Amino acid sequence: MALVHKFLSGTYIFRKCLKPTVASCPILGTRFADYCSSSLQKPVAAPGKNSSQRNTEGDLQGHHQREVALDITSPGEKPEFSFDKAIKDEIKDHCRRLKDDIVNYWRGPEGRPLHEVLMEQAKVVWQFRGKEDLDKWIVTSDKTIGGRSEVFLKMGKNNQSALLYGTLSSEAPKDGESGRSGYCAMISRIPRGPFERKRSYDWSQFNTLYLRVRGDGRPWMVNIREDTDLIQRKNQMYSYFMFTRGGPYWQEVKIPFSKFFFSNQGRIRDAQYQLLLDKISSVGFTLADKVDGPFFLEIDFIGVFTDPAHTEEFAYENSPELNPRLFK
């Protein structure tokens, strides 16, 4: 107790005797003395100094006071933040986007004249020229179920492509539940409109998916999802194979939409259905060839176009629409 009393008494005496002068702080220097004088007491001008010197001291003291104002915040002050203002600004932004959507709807598809859209033969949907283009995609792997595969996405050389790379591992998770593993995927984000409404891509006037890629010789699966809110169809997608050649040269891949087959949870279904091209929500790439090791896939752009030489509507005959007798 005596030690505590001595410590408190010494602190009180030190606080009363402390003077913010240069003489009392020779080690800390003039900057700390001015800092203390500007923050602890009001500066008093010496009568024997000229006006220019007073102006210089006033400027220095004002500068130090501004520094103190930035560094020290009084307990009574509250940060200037308003939830009401933030909510109002967000609502205004969504209303502005909704207005733009309504105007574009009456103007034509995607805000362009109808005749211009109908005459369009090719269209680039995704291209990779900056970080904002990468933000439209997400990557995932079997790590979500306890696997060891890793996948990353970054900009390629000279910011002219996207590089998807990583390591594939088919080692099953040791959780006693999952018996299979070994996949990596890249999926486009679902487009959102005002008030977070889901949007979809309308590719009904095109018949072929067009990609410019460069890979390492591995086979990939190209997946297309329809826009649907039915929980029974959340795992359904349409897929087709994409074989990369490897090497330093780019390759142009053209996949007709009629070739995409219907699958559910990674399994091809007996009954095949045609892809609805006016309700496309996302496109993805999946690697699951059971070959452990590093991989990469470089993508320049992803688009759609109309191939006049392709007249096939649907490539599979086991469809309820084409052969209803098979499903009676």
C-alpha atoms as a PDB file:
ATOM      1  CA  MET A   1       0.000   0.000   0.000  1.00  0.00           C
ATOM      2  CA  ALA A   2       2.844   2.348   0.785  1.00  0.00           C
ATOM      3  CA  LEU A   3       4.297   1.712  -2.653  1.00  0.00           C
ATOM      4  CA  VAL A   4       0.981   2.485  -4.331  1.00  0.00           C
ATOM      5  CA  HIS A   5       0.580   5.695  -2.289  1.00  0.00           C
ATOM      6  CA  LYS A   6       4.085   6.804  -3.197  1.00  0.00           C
ATOM      7  CA  PHE A   7       3.464   6.121  -6.885  1.00  0.00           C
ATOM      8  CA  LEU A   8       0.187   8.077  -6.926  1.00  0.00           C
ATOM      9  CA  SER A   9       1.746  10.985  -5.026  1.00  0.00           C
ATOM     10  CA  GLY A  10       4.679  11.119  -7.387  1.00  0.00           C
ATOM     11  CA  THR A  11       2.360  11.094 -10.402  1.00  0.00           C
ATOM     12  CA  TYR A  12       0.320  13.962  -8.974  1.00  0.00           C
ATOM     13  CA  ILE A  13       3.424  16.052  -8.216  1.00  0.00           C
ATOM     14  CA  PHE A  14       4.863  15.328 -11.676  1.00  0.00           C
ATOM     15  CA  ARG A  15       1.612  16.380 -13.348  1.00  0.00           C
ATOM     16  CA  LYS A  16       1.529  19.674 -11.411  1.00  0.00           C
ATOM     17  CA  CYS A  17       5.168  20.486 -11.946  1.00  0.00           C
ATOM     18  CA  LEU A  18       5.260  19.578 -15.668  1.00  0.00           C
ATOM     19  CA  LYS A  19       5.698  22.704 -17.771  1.00  0.00           C
ATOM     20  CA  PRO A  20       5.602  22.521 -21.552  1.00  0.00           C
ATOM     21  CA  THR A  21       8.811  24.416 -22.145  1.00  0.00           C
ATOM     22  CA  VAL A  22      11.933  23.597 -24.066  1.00  0.00           C
ATOM     23  CA  ALA A  23      14.030  23.778 -20.916  1.00  0.00           C
ATOM     24  CA  SER A  24      11.950  21.097 -19.215  1.00  0.00           C
ATOM     25  CA  CYS A  25      12.051  18.872 -22.333  1.00  0.00           C
ATOM     26  CA  PRO A  26      15.586  19.199 -23.742  1.00  0.00           C
ATOM     27  CA  ILE A  27      15.604  15.674 -25.152  1.00  0.00           C
ATOM     28  CA  LEU A  28      12.215  15.819 -26.871  1.00  0.00           C
ATOM     29  CA  GLY A  29      13.002  19.088 -28.625  1.00  0.00           C
ATOM     30  CA  THR A  30      11.072  22.135 -29.685  1.00  0.00           C
ATOM     31  CA  ARG A  31       8.417  20.208 -31.645  1.00  0.00           C
ATOM     32  CA  PHE A  32       7.155  18.407 -28.551  1.00  0.00           C
ATOM     33  CA  ALA A  33       7.245  21.648 -26.544  1.00  0.00           C
ATOM     34  CA  ASP A  34       5.179  23.484 -29.143  1.00  0.00           C
ATOM     35  CA  TYR A  35       2.832  20.500 -29.314  1.00  0.00           C
ATOM     36  CA  CYS A  36       2.328  20.595 -25.554  1.00  0.00           C
ATOM     37  CA  SER A  37       1.941  24.377 -25.468  1.00  0.00           C
ATOM     38  CA  SER A  38      -0.657  24.338 -28.220  1.00  0.00           C
ATOM     39  CA  SER A  39      -2.657  21.550 -26.624  1.00  0.00           C
ATOM     40  CA  LEU A  40      -2.347  22.322 -22.893  1.00  0.00           C
ATOM     41  CA  GLN A  41      -2.295  26.100 -22.634  1.00  0.00           C
ATOM     42  CA  LYS A  42      -3.140  29.134 -24.651  1.00  0.00           C
ATOM     43  CA  PRO A  43      -0.062  30.724 -26.239  1.00  0.00           C
ATOM     44  CA  VAL A  44       0.835  34.226 -25.048  1.00  0.00           C
ATOM     45  CA  ALA A  45       2.768  36.538 -27.344  1.00  0.00           C
ATOM     46  CA  ALA A  46       5.938  38.127 -25.921  1.00  0.00           C
ATOM     47  CA  PRO A  47       5.764  41.944 -25.838  1.00  0.00           C
ATOM     48  CA  GLY A  48       9.286  42.424 -27.113  1.00  0.00           C
ATOM     49  CA  LYS A  49       8.893  40.616 -30.409  1.00  0.00           C
ATOM     50  CA  ASN A  50       8.141  42.256 -33.716  1.00  0.00           C
ATOM     51  CA  SER A  51       5.008  41.690 -35.778  1.00  0.00           C
ATOM     52  CA  SER A  52       6.622  39.368 -38.324  1.00  0.00           C
ATOM     53  CA  GLN A  53       7.859  37.093 -35.596  1.00  0.00           C
ATOM     54  CA  ARG A  54       4.378  37.036 -34.059  1.00  0.00           C
ATOM     55  CA  ASN A  55       2.890  36.084 -37.418  1.00  0.00           C
ATOM     56  CA  THR A  56       5.410  33.273 -37.824  1.00  0.00           C
ATOM     57  CA  GLU A  57       4.673  31.934 -34.368  1.00  0.00           C
ATOM     58  CA  GLY A  58       0.951  32.169 -35.030  1.00  0.00           C
ATOM     59  CA  ASP A  59       1.287  30.183 -38.220  1.00  0.00           C
ATOM     60  CA  LEU A  60       3.344  27.519 -36.493  1.00  0.00           C
ATOM     61  CA  GLN A  61       0.908  27.309 -33.605  1.00  0.00           C
ATOM     62  CA  GLY A  62      -2.035  27.095 -35.986  1.00  0.00           C
ATOM     63  CA  HIS A  63      -0.275  24.302 -37.872  1.00  0.00           C
ATOM     64  CA  HIS A  64       0.348  22.394 -34.646  1.00  0.00           C
ATOM     65  CA  GLN A  65      -3.225  22.955 -33.536  1.00  0.00           C
ATOM     66  CA  ARG A  66      -4.452  21.449 -36.808  1.00  0.00           C
ATOM     67  CA  GLU A  67      -2.210  18.445 -36.209  1.00  0.00           C
ATOM     68  CA  VAL A  68      -3.579  18.076 -32.700  1.00  0.00           C
ATOM     69  CA  ALA A  69      -7.117  18.298 -34.056  1.00  0.00           C
ATOM     70  CA  LEU A  70      -6.361  15.438 -36.391  1.00  0.00           C
ATOM     71  CA  ASP A  71      -4.663  13.271 -33.778  1.00  0.00           C
ATOM     72  CA  ILE A  72      -6.781  13.916 -30.701  1.00  0.00           C
ATOM     73  CA  THR A  73     -10.562  13.557 -30.665  1.00  0.00           C
ATOM     74  CA  SER A  74     -12.517  14.830 -27.705  1.00  0.00           C
ATOM     75  CA  PRO A  75     -14.739  12.284 -25.955  1.00  0.00           C
ATOM     76  CA  GLY A  76     -17.851  14.342 -26.653  1.00  0.00           C
ATOM     77  CA  GLU A  77     -17.453  14.273 -30.424  1.00  0.00           C
ATOM     78  CA  LYS A  78     -19.263  11.583 -32.428  1.00  0.00           C
ATOM     79  CA  PRO A  79     -18.274  10.284 -35.845  1.00  0.00           C
ATOM     80  CA  GLU A  80     -20.289  11.841 -38.622  1.00  0.00           C
ATOM     81  CA  PHE A  81     -22.169   8.822 -39.903  1.00  0.00           C
ATOM     82  CA  SER A  82     -25.871   8.525 -40.525  1.00  0.00           C
ATOM     83  CA  PHE A  83     -27.629   5.270 -41.271  1.00  0.00           C
ATOM     84  CA  ASP A  84     -30.623   7.192 -42.577  1.00  0.00           C
ATOM     85  CA  LYS A  85     -28.470   9.045 -45.102  1.00  0.00           C
ATOM     86  CA  ALA A  86     -26.791   5.819 -46.222  1.00  0.00           C
ATOM     87  CA  ILE A  87     -30.155   4.103 -46.714  1.00  0.00           C
ATOM     88  CA  LYS A  88     -31.534   7.092 -48.627  1.00  0.00           C
ATOM     89  CA  ASP A  89     -28.497   7.187 -50.904  1.00  0.00           C
ATOM     90  CA  GLU A  90     -28.815   3.456 -51.582  1.00  0.00           C
ATOM     91  CA  ILE A  91     -32.515   3.784 -52.410  1.00  0.00           C
ATOM     92  CA  LYS A  92     -31.803   6.722 -54.720  1.00  0.00           C
ATOM     93  CA  ASP A  93     -29.161   4.693 -56.556  1.00  0.00           C
ATOM     94  CA  HIS A  94     -31.509   1.734 -57.028  1.00  0.00           C
ATOM     95  CA  CYS A  95     -34.321   4.023 -58.211  1.00  0.00           C
ATOM     96  CA  ARG A  96     -31.987   5.635 -60.736  1.00  0.00           C
ATOM     97  CA  ARG A  97     -30.995   2.190 -62.035  1.00  0.00           C
ATOM     98  CA  LEU A  98     -34.654   1.176 -62.200  1.00  0.00           C
ATOM     99  CA  LYS A  99     -35.445   4.289 -64.229  1.00  0.00           C
ATOM    100  CA  ASP A 100     -32.606   3.469 -66.641  1.00  0.00           C
ATOM    101  CA  ASP A 101     -33.956  -0.072 -67.031  1.00  0.00           C
ATOM    102  CA  ILE A 102     -37.452   1.183 -67.857  1.00  0.00           C
ATOM    103  CA  VAL A 103     -36.125   3.660 -70.415  1.00  0.00           C
ATOM    104  CA  ASN A 104     -33.892   1.009 -71.998  1.00  0.00           C
ATOM    105  CA  TYR A 105     -36.791  -1.448 -72.119  1.00  0.00           C
ATOM    106  CA  TRP A 106     -38.889   0.905 -74.249  1.00  0.00           C
ATOM    107  CA  ARG A 107     -35.901   1.860 -76.339  1.00  0.00           C
ATOM    108  CA  GLY A 108     -35.023  -1.757 -77.180  1.00  0.00           C
ATOM    109  CA  PRO A 109     -33.121  -4.783 -75.851  1.00  0.00           C
ATOM    110  CA  GLU A 110     -30.225  -3.635 -73.660  1.00  0.00           C
ATOM    111  CA  GLY A 111     -31.089  -0.033 -74.461  1.00  0.00           C
ATOM    112  CA  ARG A 112     -30.302  -0.361 -78.175  1.00  0.00           C
ATOM    113  CA  PRO A 113     -32.595  -0.071 -81.181  1.00  0.00           C
ATOM    114  CA  LEU A 114     -34.359  -3.295 -82.103  1.00  0.00           C
ATOM    115  CA  HIS A 115     -33.097  -3.385 -85.681  1.00  0.00           C
ATOM    116  CA  GLU A 116     -29.516  -3.088 -84.448  1.00  0.00           C
ATOM    117  CA  VAL A 117     -29.956  -6.052 -82.118  1.00  0.00           C
ATOM    118  CA  LEU A 118     -31.624  -8.209 -84.787  1.00  0.00           C
ATOM    119  CA  MET A 119     -28.805  -7.570 -87.238  1.00  0.00           C
ATOM    120  CA  GLU A 120     -26.134  -8.496 -84.706  1.00  0.00           C
ATOM    121  CA  GLN A 121     -24.252 -11.665 -85.659  1.00  0.00           C
ATOM    122  CA  ALA A 122     -21.670 -11.846 -82.860  1.00  0.00           C
ATOM    123  CA  LYS A 123     -21.370 -10.510 -79.351  1.00  0.00           C
ATOM    124  CA  VAL A 124     -18.652 -10.510 -76.683  1.00  0.00           C
ATOM    125  CA  VAL A 125     -20.261 -11.182 -73.309  1.00  0.00           C
ATOM    126  CA  TRP A 126     -17.156 -11.388 -71.092  1.00  0.00           C
ATOM    127  CA  GLN A 127     -13.665 -10.143 -71.733  1.00  0.00           C
ATOM    128  CA  PHE A 128     -10.786  -9.686 -69.338  1.00  0.00           C
ATOM    129  CA  ARG A 129      -9.011  -6.332 -69.475  1.00  0.00           C
ATOM    130  CA  GLY A 130      -8.897  -5.335 -65.803  1.00  0.00           C
ATOM    131  CA  LYS A 131      -9.667  -6.265 -62.229  1.00  0.00           C
ATOM    132  CA  GLU A 132     -13.296  -5.201 -62.589  1.00  0.00           C
ATOM    133  CA  ASP A 133     -13.705  -7.993 -65.163  1.00  0.00           C
ATOM    134  CA  LEU A 134     -12.360 -10.562 -62.686  1.00  0.00           C
ATOM    135  CA  ASP A 135     -14.878  -9.415 -60.083  1.00  0.00           C
ATOM    136  CA  LYS A 136     -17.651 -10.800 -62.282  1.00  0.00           C
ATOM    137  CA  TRP A 137     -16.406 -14.339 -61.607  1.00  0.00           C
ATOM    138  CA  ILE A 138     -15.909 -16.603 -58.609  1.00  0.00           C
ATOM    139  CA  VAL A 139     -13.666 -19.635 -58.212  1.00  0.00           C
ATOM    140  CA  THR A 140     -14.334 -22.703 -56.098  1.00  0.00           C
ATOM    141  CA  SER A 141     -12.862 -26.139 -55.508  1.00  0.00           C
ATOM    142  CA  ASP A 142     -13.363 -29.277 -53.459  1.00  0.00           C
ATOM    143  CA  LYS A 143     -11.993 -27.432 -50.434  1.00  0.00           C
ATOM    144  CA  THR A 144     -15.601 -26.619 -49.629  1.00  0.00           C
ATOM    145  CA  ILE A 145     -16.128 -30.329 -48.833  1.00  0.00           C
ATOM    146  CA  GLY A 146     -12.731 -30.937 -47.259  1.00  0.00           C
ATOM    147  CA  GLY A 147     -10.651 -31.621 -50.376  1.00  0.00           C
ATOM    148  CA  ARG A 148      -7.146 -30.398 -51.145  1.00  0.00           C
ATOM    149  CA  SER A 149      -7.497 -28.855 -54.596  1.00  0.00           C
ATOM    150  CA  GLU A 150      -6.581 -25.198 -54.981  1.00  0.00           C
ATOM    151  CA  VAL A 151      -7.645 -22.732 -57.655  1.00  0.00           C
ATOM    152  CA  PHE A 152      -6.793 -19.071 -58.244  1.00  0.00           C
ATOM    153  CA  LEU A 153      -7.773 -16.409 -60.752  1.00  0.00           C
ATOM    154  CA  LYS A 154      -5.668 -13.430 -61.798  1.00  0.00           C
ATOM    155  CA  MET A 155      -4.982 -11.182 -64.751  1.00  0.00           C
ATOM    156  CA  GLY A 156      -2.727 -12.566 -67.468  1.00  0.00           C
ATOM    157  CA  LYS A 157       0.185 -10.949 -69.227  1.00  0.00           C
ATOM    158  CA  ASN A 158      -0.295  -7.259 -70.132  1.00  0.00           C
ATOM    159  CA  ASN A 159      -3.817  -7.365 -68.644  1.00  0.00           C
ATOM    160  CA  GLN A 160      -5.207  -8.868 -71.835  1.00  0.00           C
ATOM    161  CA  SER A 161      -6.574 -12.167 -70.476  1.00  0.00           C
ATOM    162  CA  ALA A 162      -7.612 -14.026 -67.336  1.00  0.00           C
ATOM    163  CA  LEU A 163      -5.423 -16.820 -65.975  1.00  0.00           C
ATOM    164  CA  LEU A 164      -7.107 -19.624 -64.066  1.00  0.00           C
ATOM    165  CA  TYR A 165      -4.543 -21.826 -62.378  1.00  0.00           C
ATOM    166  CA  GLY A 166      -4.043 -24.090 -59.393  1.00  0.00           C
ATOM    167  CA  THR A 167      -3.456 -27.672 -58.317  1.00  0.00           C
ATOM    168  CA  LEU A 168      -5.894 -30.557 -58.649  1.00  0.00           C
ATOM    169  CA  SER A 169      -5.987 -33.286 -56.002  1.00  0.00           C
ATOM    170  CA  SER A 170      -8.318 -36.276 -56.169  1.00  0.00           C
ATOM    171  CA  GLU A 171      -7.651 -37.303 -52.572  1.00  0.00           C
ATOM    172  CA  ALA A 172     -10.997 -37.858 -50.885  1.00  0.00           C
ATOM    173  CA  PRO A 173     -11.769 -35.963 -47.663  1.00  0.00           C
ATOM    174  CA  LYS A 174     -11.256 -37.953 -44.491  1.00  0.00           C
ATOM    175  CA  ASP A 175     -14.644 -37.144 -43.059  1.00  0.00           C
ATOM    176  CA  GLY A 176     -16.281 -40.528 -43.552  1.00  0.00           C
ATOM    177  CA  GLU A 177     -18.976 -39.072 -45.791  1.00  0.00           C
ATOM    178  CA  SER A 178     -17.473 -37.961 -49.110  1.00  0.00           C
ATOM    179  CA  GLY A 179     -16.078 -40.733 -51.274  1.00  0.00           C
ATOM    180  CA  ARG A 180     -15.052 -38.614 -54.260  1.00  0.00           C
ATOM    181  CA  SER A 181     -13.138 -35.409 -54.701  1.00  0.00           C
ATOM    182  CA  GLY A 182     -10.943 -33.542 -57.147  1.00  0.00           C
ATOM    183  CA  TYR A 183     -12.546 -30.615 -58.962  1.00  0.00           C
ATOM    184  CA  CYS A 184     -11.914 -26.919 -59.563  1.00  0.00           C
ATOM    185  CA  ALA A 185     -14.353 -24.499 -61.138  1.00  0.00           C
ATOM    186  CA  MET A 186     -14.771 -20.931 -62.327  1.00  0.00           C
ATOM    187  CA  ILE A 187     -18.338 -19.557 -62.428  1.00  0.00           C
ATOM    188  CA  SER A 188     -19.707 -16.220 -63.580  1.00  0.00           C
ATOM    189  CA  ARG A 189     -21.727 -14.214 -61.084  1.00  0.00           C
ATOM    190  CA  ILE A 190     -25.442 -13.900 -61.676  1.00  0.00           C
ATOM    191  CA  PRO A 191     -26.163 -10.392 -63.002  1.00  0.00           C
ATOM    192  CA  ARG A 192     -28.213  -8.209 -60.688  1.00  0.00           C
ATOM    193  CA  GLY A 193     -30.500  -5.308 -61.467  1.00  0.00           C
ATOM    194  CA  PRO A 194     -32.119  -2.618 -59.312  1.00  0.00           C
ATOM    195  CA  PHE A 195     -33.064  -3.733 -55.801  1.00  0.00           C
ATOM    196  CA  GLU A 196     -30.925  -6.880 -56.322  1.00  0.00           C
ATOM    197  CA  ARG A 197     -33.324  -8.422 -58.826  1.00  0.00           C
ATOM    198  CA  LYS A 198     -31.925 -11.314 -60.827  1.00  0.00           C
ATOM    199  CA  ARG A 199     -31.190 -10.717 -64.466  1.00  0.00           C
ATOM    200  CA  SER A 200     -30.634 -13.183 -67.285  1.00  0.00           C
ATOM    201  CA  TYR A 201     -28.898 -13.184 -70.641  1.00  0.00           C
ATOM    202  CA  ASP A 202     -30.956 -13.467 -73.793  1.00  0.00           C
ATOM    203  CA  TRP A 203     -29.026 -15.424 -76.435  1.00  0.00           C
ATOM    204  CA  SER A 204     -32.038 -16.600 -78.397  1.00  0.00           C
ATOM    205  CA  GLN A 205     -30.796 -15.036 -81.632  1.00  0.00           C
ATOM    206  CA  PHE A 206     -27.444 -16.879 -81.463  1.00  0.00           C
ATOM    207  CA  ASN A 207     -26.709 -20.572 -81.854  1.00  0.00           C
ATOM    208  CA  THR A 208     -23.042 -21.028 -80.855  1.00  0.00           C
ATOM    209  CA  LEU A 209     -20.843 -20.320 -77.851  1.00  0.00           C
ATOM    210  CA  TYR A 210     -17.525 -18.787 -78.895  1.00  0.00           C
ATOM    211  CA  LEU A 211     -14.363 -18.799 -76.768  1.00  0.00           C
ATOM    212  CA  ARG A 212     -10.713 -17.924 -77.253  1.00  0.00           C
ATOM    213  CA  VAL A 213      -8.594 -19.884 -74.785  1.00  0.00           C
ATOM    214  CA  ARG A 214      -5.145 -21.311 -74.223  1.00  0.00           C
ATOM    215  CA  GLY A 215      -4.695 -24.348 -71.984  1.00  0.00           C
ATOM    216  CA  ASP A 216      -2.310 -27.114 -70.997  1.00  0.00           C
ATOM    217  CA  GLY A 217      -3.965 -30.001 -72.819  1.00  0.00           C
ATOM    218  CA  ARG A 218      -6.498 -30.903 -70.126  1.00  0.00           C
ATOM    219  CA  PRO A 219     -10.189 -31.461 -70.913  1.00  0.00           C
ATOM    220  CA  TRP A 220     -12.610 -29.000 -69.364  1.00  0.00           C
ATOM    221  CA  MET A 221     -16.358 -29.008 -68.930  1.00  0.00           C
ATOM    222  CA  VAL A 222     -18.264 -25.898 -70.040  1.00  0.00           C
ATOM    223  CA  ASN A 223     -21.422 -25.430 -67.977  1.00  0.00           C
ATOM    224  CA  ILE A 224     -24.444 -23.209 -68.614  1.00  0.00           C
ATOM    225  CA  ARG A 225     -27.156 -22.588 -66.034  1.00  0.00           C
ATOM    226  CA  GLU A 226     -30.671 -21.397 -66.645  1.00  0.00           C
ATOM    227  CA  ASP A 227     -32.302 -18.685 -64.612  1.00  0.00           C
ATOM    228  CA  THR A 228     -34.818 -20.424 -62.395  1.00  0.00           C
ATOM    229  CA  ASP A 229     -36.141 -19.956 -58.863  1.00  0.00           C
ATOM    230  CA  LEU A 230     -37.378 -23.533 -58.490  1.00  0.00           C
ATOM    231  CA  ILE A 231     -35.468 -25.250 -55.691  1.00  0.00           C
ATOM    232  CA  GLN A 232     -35.853 -28.599 -57.462  1.00  0.00           C
ATOM    233  CA  ARG A 233     -33.737 -27.298 -60.364  1.00  0.00           C
ATOM    234  CA  LYS A 234     -30.997 -25.453 -58.504  1.00  0.00           C
ATOM    235  CA  ASN A 235     -28.409 -28.187 -59.278  1.00  0.00           C
ATOM    236  CA  GLN A 236     -29.382 -28.599 -62.923  1.00  0.00           C
ATOM    237  CA  MET A 237     -27.126 -27.395 -65.710  1.00  0.00           C
ATOM    238  CA  TYR A 238     -26.233 -27.973 -69.340  1.00  0.00           C
ATOM    239  CA  SER A 239     -22.701 -29.086 -70.126  1.00  0.00           C
ATOM    240  CA  TYR A 240     -20.342 -29.935 -72.953  1.00  0.00           C
ATOM    241  CA  PHE A 241     -16.658 -30.784 -73.269  1.00  0.00           C
ATOM    242  CA  MET A 242     -13.864 -28.419 -74.227  1.00  0.00           C
ATOM    243  CA  PHE A 243     -10.516 -29.981 -75.156  1.00  0.00           C
ATOM    244  CA  THR A 244      -7.457 -27.745 -74.961  1.00  0.00           C
ATOM    245  CA  ARG A 245      -4.439 -28.466 -77.145  1.00  0.00           C
ATOM    246  CA  GLY A 246      -1.664 -27.122 -74.947  1.00  0.00           C
ATOM    247  CA  GLY A 247       1.299 -25.153 -76.136  1.00  0.00           C
ATOM    248  CA  PRO A 248       1.808 -21.411 -76.635  1.00  0.00           C
ATOM    249  CA  TYR A 249      -0.852 -20.895 -79.290  1.00  0.00           C
ATOM    250  CA  TRP A 250      -4.393 -19.656 -78.782  1.00  0.00           C
ATOM    251  CA  GLN A 251      -7.326 -21.718 -79.940  1.00  0.00           C
ATOM    252  CA  GLU A 252     -10.835 -20.666 -80.847  1.00  0.00           C
ATOM    253  CA  VAL A 253     -13.511 -22.968 -79.473  1.00  0.00           C
ATOM    254  CA  LYS A 254     -17.000 -23.001 -80.992  1.00  0.00           C
ATOM    255  CA  ILE A 255     -19.669 -25.083 -79.256  1.00  0.00           C
ATOM    256  CA  PRO A 256     -23.218 -25.104 -80.675  1.00  0.00           C
ATOM    257  CA  PHE A 257     -25.900 -24.712 -78.045  1.00  0.00           C
ATOM    258  CA  SER A 258     -27.669 -27.768 -79.459  1.00  0.00           C
ATOM    259  CA  LYS A 259     -24.763 -29.937 -78.221  1.00  0.00           C
ATOM    260  CA  PHE A 260     -25.161 -29.102 -74.551  1.00  0.00           C
ATOM    261  CA  PHE A 261     -26.605 -32.043 -72.611  1.00  0.00           C
ATOM    262  CA  PHE A 262     -28.762 -31.854 -69.508  1.00  0.00           C
ATOM    263  CA  SER A 263     -27.313 -32.987 -66.159  1.00  0.00           C
ATOM    264  CA  ASN A 264     -28.225 -32.870 -62.497  1.00  0.00           C
ATOM    265  CA  GLN A 265     -25.632 -32.916 -59.700  1.00  0.00           C
ATOM    266  CA  GLY A 266     -22.964 -33.932 -62.197  1.00  0.00           C
ATOM    267  CA  ARG A 267     -24.878 -36.887 -63.643  1.00  0.00           C
ATOM    268  CA  ILE A 268     -26.241 -37.003 -67.180  1.00  0.00           C
ATOM    269  CA  ARG A 269     -29.999 -37.497 -67.149  1.00  0.00           C
ATOM    270  CA  ASP A 270     -31.865 -39.986 -69.303  1.00  0.00           C
ATOM    271  CA  ALA A 271     -34.415 -37.406 -70.377  1.00  0.00           C
ATOM    272  CA  GLN A 272     -32.717 -34.581 -72.276  1.00  0.00           C
ATOM    273  CA  TYR A 273     -34.205 -31.111 -72.551  1.00  0.00           C
ATOM    274  CA  GLN A 274     -33.289 -28.263 -74.828  1.00  0.00           C
ATOM    275  CA  LEU A 275     -31.484 -25.272 -73.392  1.00  0.00           C
ATOM    276  CA  LEU A 276     -33.620 -22.137 -73.039  1.00  0.00           C
ATOM    277  CA  LEU A 277     -31.400 -19.475 -74.558  1.00  0.00           C
ATOM    278  CA  ASP A 278     -33.460 -16.516 -73.337  1.00  0.00           C
ATOM    279  CA  LYS A 279     -33.010 -17.485 -69.645  1.00  0.00           C
ATOM    280  CA  ILE A 280     -29.242 -17.860 -69.211  1.00  0.00           C
ATOM    281  CA  SER A 281     -27.977 -16.946 -65.738  1.00  0.00           C
ATOM    282  CA  SER A 282     -24.314 -18.018 -65.671  1.00  0.00           C
ATOM    283  CA  VAL A 283     -21.498 -19.816 -67.468  1.00  0.00           C
ATOM    284  CA  GLY A 284     -18.769 -21.868 -65.825  1.00  0.00           C
ATOM    285  CA  PHE A 285     -15.719 -24.040 -66.411  1.00  0.00           C
ATOM    286  CA  THR A 286     -14.987 -27.193 -64.423  1.00  0.00           C
ATOM    287  CA  LEU A 287     -11.862 -29.356 -64.300  1.00  0.00           C
ATOM    288  CA  ALA A 288     -12.355 -32.886 -62.923  1.00  0.00           C
ATOM    289  CA  ASP A 289     -10.215 -35.229 -65.054  1.00  0.00           C
ATOM    290  CA  LYS A 290      -8.780 -37.111 -62.007  1.00  0.00           C
ATOM    291  CA  VAL A 291      -5.207 -36.211 -62.979  1.00  0.00           C
ATOM    292  CA  ASP A 292      -3.463 -34.779 -59.941  1.00  0.00           C
ATOM    293  CA  GLY A 293      -1.106 -31.904 -60.471  1.00  0.00           C
ATOM    294  CA  PRO A 294      -0.920 -28.274 -61.593  1.00  0.00           C
ATOM    295  CA  PHE A 295      -3.157 -26.856 -64.316  1.00  0.00           C
ATOM    296  CA  PHE A 296      -3.898 -23.579 -66.036  1.00  0.00           C
ATOM    297  CA  LEU A 297      -6.428 -22.129 -68.428  1.00  0.00           C
ATOM    298  CA  GLU A 298      -6.027 -18.698 -69.990  1.00  0.00           C
ATOM    299  CA  ILE A 299      -9.153 -17.012 -71.363  1.00  0.00           C
ATOM    300  CA  ASP A 300      -9.202 -14.052 -73.715  1.00  0.00           C
ATOM    301  CA  PHE A 301     -12.952 -13.576 -74.156  1.00  0.00           C
ATOM    302  CA  ILE A 302     -16.260 -15.442 -74.049  1.00  0.00           C
ATOM    303  CA  GLY A 303     -18.978 -14.600 -76.536  1.00  0.00           C
ATOM    304  CA  VAL A 304     -21.794 -15.882 -78.697  1.00  0.00           C
ATOM    305  CA  PHE A 305     -22.378 -15.722 -82.427  1.00  0.00           C
ATOM    306  CA  THR A 306     -24.642 -17.027 -85.171  1.00  0.00           C
ATOM    307  CA  ASP A 307     -23.187 -19.751 -87.364  1.00  0.00           C
ATOM    308  CA  PRO A 308     -25.214 -19.911 -90.589  1.00  0.00           C
ATOM    309  CA  ALA A 309     -23.785 -23.348 -91.393  1.00  0.00           C
ATOM    310  CA  HIS A 310     -25.201 -24.873 -88.212  1.00  0.00           C
ATOM    311  CA  THR A 311     -28.876 -25.750 -88.622  1.00  0.00           C
ATOM    312  CA  GLU A 312     -29.271 -28.423 -85.931  1.00  0.00           C
ATOM    313  CA  GLU A 313     -31.842 -27.595 -83.281  1.00  0.00           C
ATOM    314  CA  PHE A 314     -31.164 -30.392 -80.782  1.00  0.00           C
ATOM    315  CA  ALA A 315     -28.547 -33.135 -80.911  1.00  0.00           C
ATOM    316  CA  TYR A 316     -30.182 -35.737 -78.649  1.00  0.00           C
ATOM    317  CA  GLU A 317     -33.157 -37.866 -79.585  1.00  0.00           C
ATOM    318  CA  ASN A 318     -34.044 -39.024 -76.066  1.00  0.00           C
ATOM    319  CA  SER A 319     -36.117 -35.935 -75.452  1.00  0.00           C
ATOM    320  CA  PRO A 320     -39.761 -35.854 -74.352  1.00  0.00           C
ATOM    321  CA  GLU A 321     -40.444 -33.182 -76.972  1.00  0.00           C
ATOM    322  CA  LEU A 322     -38.879 -35.081 -79.881  1.00  0.00           C
ATOM    323  CA  ASN A 323     -39.773 -38.679 -78.890  1.00  0.00           C
ATOM    324  CA  PRO A 324     -42.655 -38.703 -76.410  1.00  0.00           C
ATOM    325  CA  ARG A 325     -43.098 -42.456 -76.905  1.00  0.00           C
ATOM    326  CA  LEU A 326     -39.858 -43.147 -75.025  1.00  0.00           C
ATOM    327  CA  PHE A 327     -41.254 -41.601 -71.855  1.00  0.00           C
ATOM    328  CA  LYS A 328     -44.738 -43.065 -71.733  1.00  0.00           C
END
